[in-house]
């Protein structure tokens, strides 16, 4: 299990990236929303989509869930 966070600031395309704790591209602490502990990025992105439908996995740490 890993801790996952979503960036509360959207990217230029409107996506809110989901990051695994320790990612080199983590947002600043005040821009992070903790999602919980998940065995993979899939559950974390589903949880983030409850908060904002434009959630997407980070290319670097959650590539299996990165769609755009």
PDB file of N, CA and C in Angstrom:
ATOM      1  N   UNK A   1       0.848  -1.187   0.000  1.00  0.00           N
ATOM      2  CA  UNK A   1       0.000   0.000   0.000  1.00  0.00           C
ATOM      3  C   UNK A   1       0.890   1.246   0.000  1.00  0.00           C
ATOM      4  N   UNK A   2       0.421   2.242  -0.707  1.00  0.00           N
ATOM      5  CA  UNK A   2       1.150   3.504  -0.783  1.00  0.00           C
ATOM      6  C   UNK A   2       0.179   4.653  -0.528  1.00  0.00           C
ATOM      7  N   UNK A   3       0.712   5.757  -0.064  1.00  0.00           N
ATOM      8  CA  UNK A   3      -0.085   6.960   0.160  1.00  0.00           C
ATOM      9  C   UNK A   3      -0.165   7.734  -1.152  1.00  0.00           C
ATOM     10  N   UNK A   4      -1.360   8.205  -1.466  1.00  0.00           N
ATOM     11  CA  UNK A   4      -1.581   8.958  -2.697  1.00  0.00           C
ATOM     12  C   UNK A   4      -2.183  10.323  -2.386  1.00  0.00           C
ATOM     13  N   UNK A   5      -1.817  11.281  -3.218  1.00  0.00           N
ATOM     14  CA  UNK A   5      -2.261  12.665  -3.084  1.00  0.00           C
ATOM     15  C   UNK A   5      -2.687  13.183  -4.446  1.00  0.00           C
ATOM     16  N   UNK A   6      -3.596  14.141  -4.440  1.00  0.00           N
ATOM     17  CA  UNK A   6      -3.975  14.810  -5.676  1.00  0.00           C
ATOM     18  C   UNK A   6      -3.572  16.275  -5.569  1.00  0.00           C
ATOM     19  N   UNK A   7      -3.124  16.817  -6.676  1.00  0.00           N
ATOM     20  CA  UNK A   7      -2.769  18.230  -6.740  1.00  0.00           C
ATOM     21  C   UNK A   7      -4.055  19.042  -6.862  1.00  0.00           C
ATOM     22  N   UNK A   8      -4.297  19.944  -5.929  1.00  0.00           N
ATOM     23  CA  UNK A   8      -5.530  20.733  -5.965  1.00  0.00           C
ATOM     24  C   UNK A   8      -5.490  21.803  -7.055  1.00  0.00           C
ATOM     25  N   UNK A   9      -4.296  22.098  -7.577  1.00  0.00           N
ATOM     26  CA  UNK A   9      -4.162  23.040  -8.687  1.00  0.00           C
ATOM     27  C   UNK A   9      -4.168  22.261  -9.998  1.00  0.00           C
ATOM     28  N   UNK A  10      -5.076  22.590 -10.902  1.00  0.00           N
ATOM     29  CA  UNK A  10      -5.114  21.869 -12.176  1.00  0.00           C
ATOM     30  C   UNK A  10      -3.938  22.238 -13.075  1.00  0.00           C
ATOM     31  N   UNK A  11      -3.603  21.306 -13.955  1.00  0.00           N
ATOM     32  CA  UNK A  11      -2.614  21.572 -15.002  1.00  0.00           C
ATOM     33  C   UNK A  11      -3.267  22.452 -16.060  1.00  0.00           C
ATOM     34  N   UNK A  12      -2.526  22.839 -17.058  1.00  0.00           N
ATOM     35  CA  UNK A  12      -3.045  23.686 -18.132  1.00  0.00           C
ATOM     36  C   UNK A  12      -4.232  23.040 -18.850  1.00  0.00           C
ATOM     37  N   UNK A  13      -4.244  21.696 -18.916  1.00  0.00           N
ATOM     38  CA  UNK A  13      -5.347  20.996 -19.595  1.00  0.00           C
ATOM     39  C   UNK A  13      -6.539  20.742 -18.676  1.00  0.00           C
ATOM     40  N   UNK A  14      -6.459  21.189 -17.415  1.00  0.00           N
ATOM     41  CA  UNK A  14      -7.568  21.042 -16.478  1.00  0.00           C
ATOM     42  C   UNK A  14      -7.480  19.814 -15.585  1.00  0.00           C
ATOM     43  N   UNK A  15      -6.523  18.916 -15.843  1.00  0.00           N
ATOM     44  CA  UNK A  15      -6.377  17.708 -15.031  1.00  0.00           C
ATOM     45  C   UNK A  15      -5.750  18.007 -13.677  1.00  0.00           C
ATOM     46  N   UNK A  16      -6.214  17.274 -12.679  1.00  0.00           N
ATOM     47  CA  UNK A  16      -5.608  17.280 -11.350  1.00  0.00           C
ATOM     48  C   UNK A  16      -4.811  15.985 -11.243  1.00  0.00           C
ATOM     49  N   UNK A  17      -3.496  16.092 -11.141  1.00  0.00           N
ATOM     50  CA  UNK A  17      -2.643  14.899 -11.136  1.00  0.00           C
ATOM     51  C   UNK A  17      -2.639  14.202  -9.785  1.00  0.00           C
ATOM     52  N   UNK A  18      -2.689  12.879  -9.851  1.00  0.00           N
ATOM     53  CA  UNK A  18      -2.599  12.025  -8.667  1.00  0.00           C
ATOM     54  C   UNK A  18      -1.160  11.524  -8.559  1.00  0.00           C
ATOM     55  N   UNK A  19      -0.579  11.697  -7.362  1.00  0.00           N
ATOM     56  CA  UNK A  19       0.812  11.333  -7.120  1.00  0.00           C
ATOM     57  C   UNK A  19       0.934  10.323  -5.985  1.00  0.00           C
ATOM     58  N   UNK A  20       1.891   9.437  -6.144  1.00  0.00           N
ATOM     59  CA  UNK A  20       2.273   8.497  -5.097  1.00  0.00           C
ATOM     60  C   UNK A  20       3.296   9.189  -4.207  1.00  0.00           C
ATOM     61  N   UNK A  21       3.163   9.025  -2.896  1.00  0.00           N
ATOM     62  CA  UNK A  21       4.094   9.661  -1.964  1.00  0.00           C
ATOM     63  C   UNK A  21       5.531   9.362  -2.370  1.00  0.00           C
ATOM     64  N   UNK A  22       6.354  10.402  -2.376  1.00  0.00           N
ATOM     65  CA  UNK A  22       7.752  10.260  -2.750  1.00  0.00           C
ATOM     66  C   UNK A  22       8.042  10.618  -4.196  1.00  0.00           C
ATOM     67  N   UNK A  23       7.013  10.874  -4.983  1.00  0.00           N
ATOM     68  CA  UNK A  23       7.203  11.236  -6.393  1.00  0.00           C
ATOM     69  C   UNK A  23       8.051  12.507  -6.490  1.00  0.00           C
ATOM     70  N   UNK A  24       8.934  12.534  -7.458  1.00  0.00           N
ATOM     71  CA  UNK A  24       9.784  13.710  -7.653  1.00  0.00           C
ATOM     72  C   UNK A  24       8.999  14.910  -8.195  1.00  0.00           C
ATOM     73  N   UNK A  25       7.750  14.695  -8.594  1.00  0.00           N
ATOM     74  CA  UNK A  25       6.918  15.772  -9.133  1.00  0.00           C
ATOM     75  C   UNK A  25       5.730  16.105  -8.220  1.00  0.00           C
ATOM     76  N   UNK A  26       5.879  15.785  -6.935  1.00  0.00           N
ATOM     77  CA  UNK A  26       4.809  16.093  -5.967  1.00  0.00           C
ATOM     78  C   UNK A  26       4.566  17.597  -5.922  1.00  0.00           C
ATOM     79  N   UNK A  27       3.309  17.997  -5.777  1.00  0.00           N
ATOM     80  CA  UNK A  27       3.033  19.421  -5.593  1.00  0.00           C
ATOM     81  C   UNK A  27       3.510  19.868  -4.207  1.00  0.00           C
ATOM     82  N   UNK A  28       3.597  21.157  -4.026  1.00  0.00           N
ATOM     83  CA  UNK A  28       3.950  21.694  -2.719  1.00  0.00           C
ATOM     84  C   UNK A  28       2.925  21.222  -1.683  1.00  0.00           C
ATOM     85  N   UNK A  29       3.338  21.060  -0.438  1.00  0.00           N
ATOM     86  CA  UNK A  29       2.430  20.535   0.591  1.00  0.00           C
ATOM     87  C   UNK A  29       1.081  21.250   0.676  1.00  0.00           C
ATOM     88  N   UNK A  30       1.063  22.565   0.521  1.00  0.00           N
ATOM     89  CA  UNK A  30      -0.217  23.280   0.624  1.00  0.00           C
ATOM     90  C   UNK A  30      -1.106  23.086  -0.615  1.00  0.00           C
ATOM     91  N   UNK A  31      -0.585  22.434  -1.658  1.00  0.00           N
ATOM     92  CA  UNK A  31      -1.369  22.138  -2.866  1.00  0.00           C
ATOM     93  C   UNK A  31      -1.753  20.660  -2.964  1.00  0.00           C
ATOM     94  N   UNK A  32      -1.510  19.907  -1.903  1.00  0.00           N
ATOM     95  CA  UNK A  32      -1.809  18.472  -1.893  1.00  0.00           C
ATOM     96  C   UNK A  32      -3.100  18.189  -1.129  1.00  0.00           C
ATOM     97  N   UNK A  33      -3.879  17.255  -1.652  1.00  0.00           N
ATOM     98  CA  UNK A  33      -5.035  16.722  -0.934  1.00  0.00           C
ATOM     99  C   UNK A  33      -4.785  15.231  -0.778  1.00  0.00           C
ATOM    100  N   UNK A  34      -4.738  14.768   0.465  1.00  0.00           N
ATOM    101  CA  UNK A  34      -4.478  13.356   0.738  1.00  0.00           C
ATOM    102  C   UNK A  34      -5.691  12.527   0.336  1.00  0.00           C
ATOM    103  N   UNK A  35      -5.453  11.467  -0.435  1.00  0.00           N
ATOM    104  CA  UNK A  35      -6.532  10.604  -0.899  1.00  0.00           C
ATOM    105  C   UNK A  35      -6.670   9.339  -0.051  1.00  0.00           C
ATOM    106  N   UNK A  36      -5.562   8.845   0.482  1.00  0.00           N
ATOM    107  CA  UNK A  36      -5.580   7.622   1.280  1.00  0.00           C
ATOM    108  C   UNK A  36      -4.494   6.664   0.829  1.00  0.00           C
ATOM    109  N   UNK A  37      -4.523   5.475   1.417  1.00  0.00           N
ATOM    110  CA  UNK A  37      -3.582   4.408   1.071  1.00  0.00           C
ATOM    111  C   UNK A  37      -4.255   3.454   0.091  1.00  0.00           C
ATOM    112  N   UNK A  38      -3.563   3.143  -0.999  1.00  0.00           N
ATOM    113  CA  UNK A  38      -4.105   2.274  -2.038  1.00  0.00           C
ATOM    114  C   UNK A  38      -3.019   1.326  -2.527  1.00  0.00           C
ATOM    115  N   UNK A  39      -3.414   0.121  -2.974  1.00  0.00           N
ATOM    116  CA  UNK A  39      -2.434  -0.820  -3.500  1.00  0.00           C
ATOM    117  C   UNK A  39      -1.903  -0.414  -4.875  1.00  0.00           C
ATOM    118  N   UNK A  40      -2.636   0.460  -5.586  1.00  0.00           N
ATOM    119  CA  UNK A  40      -2.186   0.928  -6.904  1.00  0.00           C
ATOM    120  C   UNK A  40      -2.809   2.287  -7.183  1.00  0.00           C
ATOM    121  N   UNK A  41      -2.378   2.889  -8.271  1.00  0.00           N
ATOM    122  CA  UNK A  41      -2.901   4.197  -8.643  1.00  0.00           C
ATOM    123  C   UNK A  41      -4.370   4.142  -9.065  1.00  0.00           C
ATOM    124  N   UNK A  42      -4.852   2.988  -9.483  1.00  0.00           N
ATOM    125  CA  UNK A  42      -6.226   2.890  -9.983  1.00  0.00           C
ATOM    126  C   UNK A  42      -7.250   3.308  -8.931  1.00  0.00           C
ATOM    127  N   UNK A  43      -7.099   2.789  -7.722  1.00  0.00           N
ATOM    128  CA  UNK A  43      -8.016   3.160  -6.642  1.00  0.00           C
ATOM    129  C   UNK A  43      -7.873   4.618  -6.259  1.00  0.00           C
ATOM    130  N   UNK A  44      -6.644   5.119  -6.277  1.00  0.00           N
ATOM    131  CA  UNK A  44      -6.401   6.517  -5.926  1.00  0.00           C
ATOM    132  C   UNK A  44      -7.041   7.459  -6.940  1.00  0.00           C
ATOM    133  N   UNK A  45      -6.929   7.149  -8.210  1.00  0.00           N
ATOM    134  CA  UNK A  45      -7.537   7.997  -9.238  1.00  0.00           C
ATOM    135  C   UNK A  45      -9.062   7.938  -9.134  1.00  0.00           C
ATOM    136  N   UNK A  46      -9.621   6.769  -8.870  1.00  0.00           N
ATOM    137  CA  UNK A  46     -11.080   6.677  -8.669  1.00  0.00           C
ATOM    138  C   UNK A  46     -11.519   7.584  -7.522  1.00  0.00           C
ATOM    139  N   UNK A  47     -10.774   7.541  -6.426  1.00  0.00           N
ATOM    140  CA  UNK A  47     -11.090   8.386  -5.266  1.00  0.00           C
ATOM    141  C   UNK A  47     -10.965   9.864  -5.640  1.00  0.00           C
ATOM    142  N   UNK A  48      -9.930  10.227  -6.362  1.00  0.00           N
ATOM    143  CA  UNK A  48      -9.737  11.619  -6.770  1.00  0.00           C
ATOM    144  C   UNK A  48     -10.863  12.084  -7.678  1.00  0.00           C
ATOM    145  N   UNK A  49     -11.379  11.208  -8.522  1.00  0.00           N
ATOM    146  CA  UNK A  49     -12.476  11.566  -9.430  1.00  0.00           C
ATOM    147  C   UNK A  49     -13.764  11.846  -8.675  1.00  0.00           C
ATOM    148  N   UNK A  50     -13.894  11.327  -7.436  1.00  0.00           N
ATOM    149  CA  UNK A  50     -15.045  11.691  -6.598  1.00  0.00           C
ATOM    150  C   UNK A  50     -14.969  13.162  -6.218  1.00  0.00           C
ATOM    151  N   UNK A  51     -13.760  13.671  -6.088  1.00  0.00           N
ATOM    152  CA  UNK A  51     -13.523  15.068  -5.723  1.00  0.00           C
ATOM    153  C   UNK A  51     -13.563  15.954  -6.969  1.00  0.00           C
ATOM    154  N   UNK A  52     -12.935  15.499  -8.060  1.00  0.00           N
ATOM    155  CA  UNK A  52     -12.926  16.240  -9.316  1.00  0.00           C
ATOM    156  C   UNK A  52     -12.817  15.253 -10.468  1.00  0.00           C
ATOM    157  N   UNK A  53     -13.732  15.319 -11.388  1.00  0.00           N
ATOM    158  CA  UNK A  53     -13.787  14.332 -12.475  1.00  0.00           C
ATOM    159  C   UNK A  53     -12.597  14.411 -13.422  1.00  0.00           C
ATOM    160  N   UNK A  54     -11.806  15.473 -13.330  1.00  0.00           N
ATOM    161  CA  UNK A  54     -10.643  15.641 -14.210  1.00  0.00           C
ATOM    162  C   UNK A  54      -9.352  15.143 -13.579  1.00  0.00           C
ATOM    163  N   UNK A  55      -9.425  14.148 -12.719  1.00  0.00           N
ATOM    164  CA  UNK A  55      -8.217  13.591 -12.109  1.00  0.00           C
ATOM    165  C   UNK A  55      -7.550  12.619 -13.078  1.00  0.00           C
ATOM    166  N   UNK A  56      -6.224  12.576 -13.015  1.00  0.00           N
ATOM    167  CA  UNK A  56      -5.436  11.732 -13.905  1.00  0.00           C
ATOM    168  C   UNK A  56      -4.163  11.334 -13.162  1.00  0.00           C
ATOM    169  N   UNK A  57      -3.636  10.179 -13.458  1.00  0.00           N
ATOM    170  CA  UNK A  57      -2.399   9.731 -12.828  1.00  0.00           C
ATOM    171  C   UNK A  57      -1.191  10.502 -13.334  1.00  0.00           C
ATOM    172  N   UNK A  58      -0.242  10.718 -12.452  1.00  0.00           N
ATOM    173  CA  UNK A  58       1.008  11.379 -12.816  1.00  0.00           C
ATOM    174  C   UNK A  58       1.790  10.501 -13.798  1.00  0.00           C
ATOM    175  N   UNK A  59       2.343  11.108 -14.805  1.00  0.00           N
ATOM    176  CA  UNK A  59       3.135  10.391 -15.808  1.00  0.00           C
ATOM    177  C   UNK A  59       4.322   9.671 -15.166  1.00  0.00           C
ATOM    178  N   UNK A  60       4.904  10.255 -14.132  1.00  0.00           N
ATOM    179  CA  UNK A  60       6.137   9.737 -13.542  1.00  0.00           C
ATOM    180  C   UNK A  60       5.914   8.672 -12.473  1.00  0.00           C
ATOM    181  N   UNK A  61       4.932   8.841 -11.599  1.00  0.00           N
ATOM    182  CA  UNK A  61       4.771   7.900 -10.489  1.00  0.00           C
ATOM    183  C   UNK A  61       3.509   7.049 -10.589  1.00  0.00           C
ATOM    184  N   UNK A  62       2.585   7.417 -11.456  1.00  0.00           N
ATOM    185  CA  UNK A  62       1.321   6.682 -11.615  1.00  0.00           C
ATOM    186  C   UNK A  62       1.015   6.507 -13.089  1.00  0.00           C
ATOM    187  N   UNK A  63       2.033   6.110 -13.836  1.00  0.00           N
ATOM    188  CA  UNK A  63       1.925   6.046 -15.294  1.00  0.00           C
ATOM    189  C   UNK A  63       0.828   5.113 -15.767  1.00  0.00           C
ATOM    190  N   UNK A  64       0.568   4.032 -15.035  1.00  0.00           N
ATOM    191  CA  UNK A  64      -0.485   3.097 -15.433  1.00  0.00           C
ATOM    192  C   UNK A  64      -1.843   3.770 -15.452  1.00  0.00           C
ATOM    193  N   UNK A  65      -1.977   4.896 -14.763  1.00  0.00           N
ATOM    194  CA  UNK A  65      -3.242   5.630 -14.683  1.00  0.00           C
ATOM    195  C   UNK A  65      -3.196   6.955 -15.422  1.00  0.00           C
ATOM    196  N   UNK A  66      -2.103   7.209 -16.112  1.00  0.00           N
ATOM    197  CA  UNK A  66      -1.948   8.460 -16.860  1.00  0.00           C
ATOM    198  C   UNK A  66      -2.618   8.308 -18.227  1.00  0.00           C
ATOM    199  N   UNK A  67      -3.565   9.199 -18.512  1.00  0.00           N
ATOM    200  CA  UNK A  67      -4.316   9.073 -19.764  1.00  0.00           C
ATOM    201  C   UNK A  67      -4.123  10.251 -20.707  1.00  0.00           C
ATOM    202  N   UNK A  68      -3.632  11.377 -20.203  1.00  0.00           N
ATOM    203  CA  UNK A  68      -3.494  12.523 -21.117  1.00  0.00           C
ATOM    204  C   UNK A  68      -2.218  13.282 -20.871  1.00  0.00           C
TER     205      UNK A  68
END
